[in-house]
């Protein structure tokens, strides 16, 4: 709970991954990828219920085995490449409310962030409480400044590729930029339904995570990096 109000965790896990087939249930260091997120959510001090949204009976069975609930199967129209996370979350909330199971806050935990921990989840909740915020979204540092990026014309010219203000500057002299890492989206449900966006206009706060915990698996290379990181950091399996 958050200040006496119920917190629901939703883990979205459809079956149709194209870049990395069966991604959500691939074996990562001895257990299915989705199990890492379920176990982190179970260890959280604040989450009241963990629900997996999936269109797959296999993913549903594995999710239940590791301790999550799968009260409803996701309809096919919400399991396409075009389906957004907000669509999935709102559908799940509506289904639960029809069963008189309502919550004040929701946290979206994507299974593709296996190195996000229960500590990260709880720190994001505590940040929301301490800052009296309505939404907390996880970020991490950008490895290379976007100020060093630009488009390139057909002729390959680098004329005006960099702004004059950053020419010959060292990376440490540039402002630090951050990017979304996809690990945590925590939000007030009432406002989420109103704005249909986790980036609330009222009061959204960034929760900063380190690079090691911010691996977001979308490809075979990402999966290999996560496997190596688990071994290098000696993360409990």
Protein backbone atom coordinates (compact mmCIF):
# COMPACT_ATOMS: atom_id res chain seq x y z
CA UNK A 1 0.00 0.00 0.00
CA UNK A 2 0.93 3.64 -0.45
CA UNK A 3 -0.21 5.68 2.54
CA UNK A 4 -3.09 3.25 3.11
CA UNK A 5 -4.07 3.11 -0.57
CA UNK A 6 -3.78 -0.07 -2.64
CA UNK A 7 -1.05 -0.54 -5.23
CA UNK A 8 -1.47 -2.89 -8.19
CA UNK A 9 1.48 -4.21 -10.22
CA UNK A 10 0.79 -5.04 -13.86
CA UNK A 11 3.31 -7.07 -15.86
CA UNK A 12 2.55 -7.02 -19.62
CA UNK A 13 3.72 -10.13 -21.46
CA UNK A 14 2.25 -10.88 -24.87
CA UNK A 15 3.40 -13.88 -26.87
CA UNK A 16 4.19 -12.35 -30.26
CA UNK A 17 7.73 -11.02 -29.91
CA UNK A 18 9.32 -10.90 -33.37
CA UNK A 19 12.90 -9.71 -32.77
CA UNK A 20 13.43 -12.27 -30.01
CA UNK A 21 10.84 -15.09 -30.24
CA UNK A 22 9.37 -16.32 -26.92
CA UNK A 23 11.29 -13.49 -25.26
CA UNK A 24 9.25 -13.25 -22.07
CA UNK A 25 9.81 -16.88 -21.10
CA UNK A 26 13.34 -17.50 -22.37
CA UNK A 27 15.62 -19.03 -19.75
CA UNK A 28 17.74 -16.32 -18.14
CA UNK A 29 20.25 -17.71 -15.65
CA UNK A 30 18.04 -20.65 -14.76
CA UNK A 31 14.52 -19.20 -14.81
CA UNK A 32 12.11 -17.61 -17.30
CA UNK A 33 12.71 -13.95 -18.05
CA UNK A 34 9.32 -12.93 -16.64
CA UNK A 35 10.11 -14.68 -13.34
CA UNK A 36 12.76 -12.07 -12.51
CA UNK A 37 10.15 -9.31 -12.53
CA UNK A 38 7.52 -11.37 -10.68
CA UNK A 39 9.98 -12.20 -7.91
CA UNK A 40 11.09 -8.57 -7.54
CA UNK A 41 7.44 -7.49 -7.27
CA UNK A 42 6.71 -10.19 -4.68
CA UNK A 43 9.58 -8.90 -2.54
CA UNK A 44 8.29 -5.31 -2.60
CA UNK A 45 6.97 -3.90 0.68
CA UNK A 46 4.26 -1.89 -1.05
CA UNK A 47 2.64 -3.93 -3.83
CA UNK A 48 -0.74 -5.44 -2.91
CA UNK A 49 -1.34 -7.60 -5.96
CA UNK A 50 0.68 -8.71 -8.99
CA UNK A 51 -1.20 -9.30 -12.22
CA UNK A 52 0.22 -10.51 -15.54
CA UNK A 53 -1.54 -9.41 -18.71
CA UNK A 54 -0.97 -11.98 -21.45
CA UNK A 55 -2.61 -13.62 -24.44
CA UNK A 56 -0.58 -16.82 -23.94
CA UNK A 57 -1.65 -19.86 -21.92
CA UNK A 58 2.01 -20.86 -21.57
CA UNK A 59 3.02 -17.47 -20.18
CA UNK A 60 -0.05 -17.54 -17.95
CA UNK A 61 0.93 -20.94 -16.51
CA UNK A 62 4.55 -19.89 -15.90
CA UNK A 63 3.45 -16.62 -14.29
CA UNK A 64 1.16 -18.43 -11.86
CA UNK A 65 3.92 -20.88 -11.03
CA UNK A 66 6.15 -18.01 -9.91
CA UNK A 67 3.45 -16.34 -7.81
CA UNK A 68 1.62 -13.83 -10.03
CA UNK A 69 -2.12 -13.71 -10.76
CA UNK A 70 -3.57 -14.00 -14.26
CA UNK A 71 -7.26 -13.26 -13.68
CA UNK A 72 -8.05 -12.64 -17.36
CA UNK A 73 -6.53 -13.52 -20.71
CA UNK A 74 -5.70 -10.53 -22.86
CA UNK A 75 -7.92 -10.25 -25.96
CA UNK A 76 -6.26 -10.63 -29.36
CA UNK A 77 -6.94 -7.02 -30.33
CA UNK A 78 -4.73 -5.91 -27.42
CA UNK A 79 -1.88 -8.25 -28.31
CA UNK A 80 -0.68 -6.74 -31.58
CA UNK A 81 2.48 -4.83 -32.51
CA UNK A 82 0.44 -1.62 -32.42
CA UNK A 83 -0.93 -2.13 -28.90
CA UNK A 84 0.42 0.40 -26.40
CA UNK A 85 1.26 -0.19 -22.76
CA UNK A 86 -1.38 2.32 -21.68
CA UNK A 87 -4.04 0.34 -23.59
CA UNK A 88 -3.04 -2.81 -21.74
CA UNK A 89 -3.01 -1.12 -18.34
CA UNK A 90 -6.39 0.57 -18.78
CA UNK A 91 -7.96 -2.68 -20.00
CA UNK A 92 -6.64 -4.58 -17.00
CA UNK A 93 -7.85 -1.91 -14.57
CA UNK A 94 -11.33 -1.91 -16.13
CA UNK A 95 -11.55 -5.70 -15.93
CA UNK A 96 -10.56 -5.73 -12.26
CA UNK A 97 -12.97 -2.94 -11.38
CA UNK A 98 -15.81 -4.94 -12.92
CA UNK A 99 -14.95 -7.58 -10.31
CA UNK A 100 -15.01 -4.94 -7.53
CA UNK A 101 -11.22 -5.07 -7.22
CA UNK A 102 -10.04 -1.47 -7.34
CA UNK A 103 -6.76 0.31 -6.61
CA UNK A 104 -5.48 3.85 -6.16
CA UNK A 105 -2.06 3.34 -7.73
CA UNK A 106 -0.63 1.14 -10.47
CA UNK A 107 2.96 0.24 -11.25
CA UNK A 108 3.80 -1.10 -14.71
CA UNK A 109 6.74 -3.51 -14.57
CA UNK A 110 7.89 -4.70 -17.96
CA UNK A 111 9.39 -8.21 -17.93
CA UNK A 112 12.16 -7.03 -20.25
CA UNK A 113 13.86 -5.30 -17.29
CA UNK A 114 15.03 -8.34 -15.31
CA UNK A 115 17.70 -6.56 -13.26
CA UNK A 116 15.27 -4.09 -11.71
CA UNK A 117 15.03 -5.07 -8.03
CA UNK A 118 12.49 -4.93 -5.22
CA UNK A 119 14.65 -2.17 -3.76
CA UNK A 120 14.22 -0.14 -6.96
CA UNK A 121 10.45 -0.63 -6.79
CA UNK A 122 10.26 0.38 -3.14
CA UNK A 123 12.52 3.40 -3.65
CA UNK A 124 10.26 4.62 -6.45
CA UNK A 125 7.24 4.32 -4.15
CA UNK A 126 9.06 6.15 -1.37
CA UNK A 127 10.08 8.88 -3.82
CA UNK A 128 6.44 9.31 -4.83
CA UNK A 129 5.46 9.61 -1.16
CA UNK A 130 8.27 11.96 -0.12
CA UNK A 131 7.75 14.30 -3.07
CA UNK A 132 3.94 14.11 -2.85
CA UNK A 133 4.00 13.16 -6.50
CA UNK A 134 1.36 11.57 -8.75
CA UNK A 135 3.76 9.63 -10.98
CA UNK A 136 7.30 8.26 -10.87
CA UNK A 137 9.09 6.96 -13.96
CA UNK A 138 12.53 5.32 -14.01
CA UNK A 139 15.41 6.73 -16.04
CA UNK A 140 19.15 6.20 -16.38
CA UNK A 141 22.05 8.25 -17.67
CA UNK A 142 22.57 8.46 -21.43
CA UNK A 143 25.85 6.78 -22.32
CA UNK A 144 26.72 9.39 -24.97
CA UNK A 145 25.41 12.95 -25.10
CA UNK A 146 22.66 13.52 -27.69
CA UNK A 147 24.39 16.84 -28.38
CA UNK A 148 26.91 14.77 -30.36
CA UNK A 149 24.12 13.39 -32.58
CA UNK A 150 22.50 14.74 -35.73
CA UNK A 151 21.07 13.62 -39.04
CA UNK A 152 23.37 13.23 -42.06
CA UNK A 153 22.38 14.44 -45.54
CA UNK A 154 22.55 12.20 -48.61
CA UNK A 155 26.02 13.50 -49.56
CA UNK A 156 27.43 12.54 -46.12
CA UNK A 157 28.54 16.10 -45.31
CA UNK A 158 29.40 16.87 -41.68
CA UNK A 159 28.97 20.60 -42.19
CA UNK A 160 26.84 21.83 -39.27
CA UNK A 161 26.77 18.33 -37.78
CA UNK A 162 27.73 19.77 -34.38
CA UNK A 163 26.66 23.09 -32.97
CA UNK A 164 29.52 25.56 -32.59
CA UNK A 165 28.81 25.81 -28.87
CA UNK A 166 29.99 22.23 -28.22
CA UNK A 167 32.91 21.98 -30.66
CA UNK A 168 36.08 20.79 -28.89
CA UNK A 169 34.25 20.30 -25.59
CA UNK A 170 34.94 17.21 -23.49
CA UNK A 171 32.06 14.90 -22.60
CA UNK A 172 32.40 15.80 -18.91
CA UNK A 173 31.88 19.47 -19.82
CA UNK A 174 28.44 18.76 -21.30
CA UNK A 175 25.18 18.61 -19.37
CA UNK A 176 24.16 15.12 -18.22
CA UNK A 177 21.19 13.73 -20.14
CA UNK A 178 18.90 10.89 -19.07
CA UNK A 179 16.73 8.44 -20.97
CA UNK A 180 13.76 6.25 -20.11
CA UNK A 181 14.93 2.76 -19.20
CA UNK A 182 11.51 1.06 -19.27
CA UNK A 183 11.80 -0.50 -15.80
CA UNK A 184 9.25 1.37 -13.66
CA UNK A 185 6.10 3.35 -14.39
CA UNK A 186 4.24 4.23 -11.16
CA UNK A 187 1.10 6.33 -11.34
CA UNK A 188 -2.06 7.57 -9.64
CA UNK A 189 -4.84 5.62 -11.38
CA UNK A 190 -7.44 8.36 -11.31
CA UNK A 191 -5.10 10.74 -13.14
CA UNK A 192 -3.81 8.02 -15.43
CA UNK A 193 -7.35 7.36 -16.66
CA UNK A 194 -7.94 11.05 -17.15
CA UNK A 195 -4.75 11.81 -19.09
CA UNK A 196 -4.15 8.33 -20.58
CA UNK A 197 -0.45 8.83 -20.08
CA UNK A 198 2.11 8.01 -17.38
CA UNK A 199 3.73 11.41 -17.89
CA UNK A 200 1.19 13.35 -15.88
CA UNK A 201 0.99 17.08 -16.38
CA UNK A 202 0.58 17.64 -12.66
CA UNK A 203 3.61 16.17 -10.95
CA UNK A 204 5.77 13.44 -12.52
CA UNK A 205 9.16 12.65 -10.96
CA UNK A 206 12.20 10.80 -12.33
CA UNK A 207 13.60 7.85 -10.42
CA UNK A 208 17.26 7.42 -11.37
CA UNK A 209 18.62 3.89 -11.82
CA UNK A 210 22.15 2.82 -12.59
CA UNK A 211 23.26 1.49 -15.97
CA UNK A 212 23.69 -2.10 -14.79
CA UNK A 213 20.07 -2.37 -13.63
CA UNK A 214 18.71 -0.61 -16.71
CA UNK A 215 19.17 -3.36 -19.31
CA UNK A 216 16.00 -3.53 -21.42
CA UNK A 217 15.84 -6.76 -23.39
CA UNK A 218 14.64 -6.39 -26.96
CA UNK A 219 17.21 -8.42 -28.89
CA UNK A 220 19.50 -11.43 -28.59
CA UNK A 221 22.40 -9.09 -27.82
CA UNK A 222 20.44 -7.48 -24.96
CA UNK A 223 19.67 -10.95 -23.61
CA UNK A 224 23.35 -11.92 -23.70
CA UNK A 225 24.31 -8.68 -21.94
CA UNK A 226 21.80 -9.39 -19.16
CA UNK A 227 23.17 -12.94 -18.75
CA UNK A 228 26.72 -11.64 -18.46
CA UNK A 229 25.70 -8.91 -16.05
CA UNK A 230 24.10 -11.45 -13.74
CA UNK A 231 27.36 -13.41 -13.66
CA UNK A 232 29.64 -10.37 -13.32
CA UNK A 233 27.63 -8.86 -10.46
CA UNK A 234 26.99 -12.27 -8.89
CA UNK A 235 23.27 -11.53 -8.73
CA UNK A 236 21.30 -14.20 -6.80
CA UNK A 237 19.41 -16.49 -9.21
